[in-house]
Protein backbone atom coordinates (compact mmCIF):
# COMPACT_ATOMS: atom_id res chain seq x y z
CA UNK A 1 17.78 -10.22 -19.06
CA UNK A 2 19.22 -6.78 -19.84
CA UNK A 3 16.52 -3.72 -21.78
CA UNK A 4 17.70 -3.29 -24.80
CA UNK A 5 16.75 0.59 -25.61
CA UNK A 6 16.42 1.90 -29.54
CA UNK A 7 15.61 5.01 -30.54
CA UNK A 8 12.65 5.69 -32.59
CA UNK A 9 11.36 9.14 -34.15
CA UNK A 10 13.11 11.24 -30.28
CA UNK A 11 11.44 8.56 -28.11
CA UNK A 12 12.85 5.36 -26.07
CA UNK A 13 11.49 2.07 -26.30
CA UNK A 14 13.08 -0.22 -23.65
CA UNK A 15 13.11 -4.44 -24.89
CA UNK A 16 12.34 -5.91 -21.67
CA UNK A 17 12.84 -9.15 -22.88
CA UNK A 18 12.47 -10.43 -26.26
CA UNK A 19 11.21 -14.06 -26.03
CA UNK A 20 8.94 -13.15 -22.88
CA UNK A 21 5.87 -14.78 -23.24
CA UNK A 22 2.62 -14.18 -21.30
CA UNK A 23 3.54 -15.58 -17.79
CA UNK A 24 6.60 -12.94 -18.31
CA UNK A 25 3.87 -9.57 -19.26
CA UNK A 26 2.41 -10.68 -16.21
CA UNK A 27 4.96 -11.10 -14.27
CA UNK A 28 6.68 -7.27 -14.97
CA UNK A 29 3.14 -5.66 -14.85
CA UNK A 30 3.08 -7.52 -11.38
CA UNK A 31 6.49 -6.18 -10.31
CA UNK A 32 5.43 -2.40 -11.09
CA UNK A 33 2.32 -2.41 -9.44
CA UNK A 34 3.54 -4.19 -6.18
CA UNK A 35 6.92 -2.22 -6.22
CA UNK A 36 7.10 0.92 -7.43
CA UNK A 37 2.42 1.34 -6.63
CA UNK A 38 1.58 1.89 -10.25
CA UNK A 39 -1.80 0.98 -11.13
CA UNK A 40 -2.38 0.56 -15.43
CA UNK A 41 -5.25 1.91 -16.97
CA UNK A 42 -6.52 1.44 -20.42
CA UNK A 43 -5.44 -1.93 -21.09
CA UNK A 44 -5.87 -3.32 -24.21
CA UNK A 45 -6.42 -7.08 -24.63
CA UNK A 46 -5.73 -8.27 -28.45
CA UNK A 47 -5.50 -11.26 -29.65
CA UNK A 48 -1.67 -11.55 -30.14
CA UNK A 49 -0.62 -7.95 -28.12
CA UNK A 50 -0.91 -6.26 -24.75
CA UNK A 51 -1.30 -2.65 -24.34
CA UNK A 52 -1.01 -1.45 -20.95
CA UNK A 53 -0.62 2.51 -19.77
CA UNK A 54 0.05 3.53 -16.30
CA UNK A 55 2.32 7.20 -15.46
CA UNK A 56 5.45 6.77 -13.64
CA UNK A 57 6.42 9.70 -11.61
CA UNK A 58 3.96 11.62 -13.90
CA UNK A 59 5.32 10.72 -17.38
CA UNK A 60 2.60 8.42 -19.22
CA UNK A 61 4.10 5.08 -20.25
CA UNK A 62 3.08 1.70 -22.32
CA UNK A 63 4.00 -1.92 -20.69
CA UNK A 64 3.62 -3.59 -24.14
CA UNK A 65 3.61 -7.73 -24.76
CA UNK A 66 3.51 -9.03 -28.41
CA UNK A 67 4.01 -12.06 -29.05
CA UNK A 68 6.14 -11.34 -32.02
CA UNK A 69 8.37 -9.14 -30.28
CA UNK A 70 7.59 -9.71 -26.89
CA UNK A 71 7.61 -7.12 -24.17
CA UNK A 72 8.52 -3.81 -24.11
CA UNK A 73 8.09 -0.66 -22.43
CA UNK A 74 7.89 3.10 -24.39
CA UNK A 75 5.86 6.52 -23.87
CA UNK A 76 2.92 7.33 -24.54
CA UNK A 77 4.14 10.71 -26.86
CA UNK A 78 7.11 12.29 -26.80
CA UNK A 79 7.18 15.78 -26.63
CA UNK A 80 10.15 16.58 -28.67
CA UNK A 81 11.32 19.61 -26.53
CA UNK A 82 11.71 17.96 -23.58
CA UNK A 83 13.68 14.07 -22.69
CA UNK A 84 11.79 13.64 -19.64
CA UNK A 85 9.71 10.69 -20.84
CA UNK A 86 12.55 8.74 -22.11
CA UNK A 87 14.28 9.44 -18.86
CA UNK A 88 11.54 7.89 -17.08
CA UNK A 89 11.77 5.03 -19.77
CA UNK A 90 15.66 4.04 -18.45
CA UNK A 91 15.06 4.56 -14.98
CA UNK A 92 12.01 1.86 -15.04
CA UNK A 93 13.67 -0.35 -17.36
CA UNK A 94 17.32 -0.17 -15.33
CA UNK A 95 14.44 -1.00 -12.36
CA UNK A 96 13.02 -3.83 -13.78
CA UNK A 97 16.63 -5.12 -14.96
CA UNK A 98 17.23 -4.91 -11.20
CA UNK A 99 14.18 -7.12 -10.26
CA UNK A 100 13.88 -9.63 -13.13
CA UNK A 101 17.43 -11.15 -13.07
CA UNK A 102 17.09 -11.27 -8.82
CA UNK A 103 13.96 -13.29 -9.54
CA UNK A 104 14.80 -15.44 -12.27
CA UNK A 105 18.63 -15.91 -10.29
CA UNK A 106 16.19 -17.07 -7.28
CA UNK A 107 14.03 -19.76 -9.64
CA UNK A 108 17.53 -21.95 -10.60
CA UNK A 109 19.16 -21.53 -6.95
CA UNK A 110 15.74 -23.19 -5.40
């Protein structure tokens, strides 16, 4: 699993898992909660998607699950004069890449 980074209108979106389902979304959310001490707020749970907002190093980010597009991470808003939210998305995506890879390897070894 390697996050794919896309740039749209000045913001970076990290696709964490294109084929990820609800179980994978909750695994990602738990990793963020437990290891980065993130607490989610403004949880939108809809029929075909979940969008959970959180703050990371002061930046507002969103973790999204959609049945059609998988799991992604993006800034809630972008000030065109600052790249900081994009840097935070990239940092969290890199963390998830390393942690989810370890979890996947452990699962197959067991």
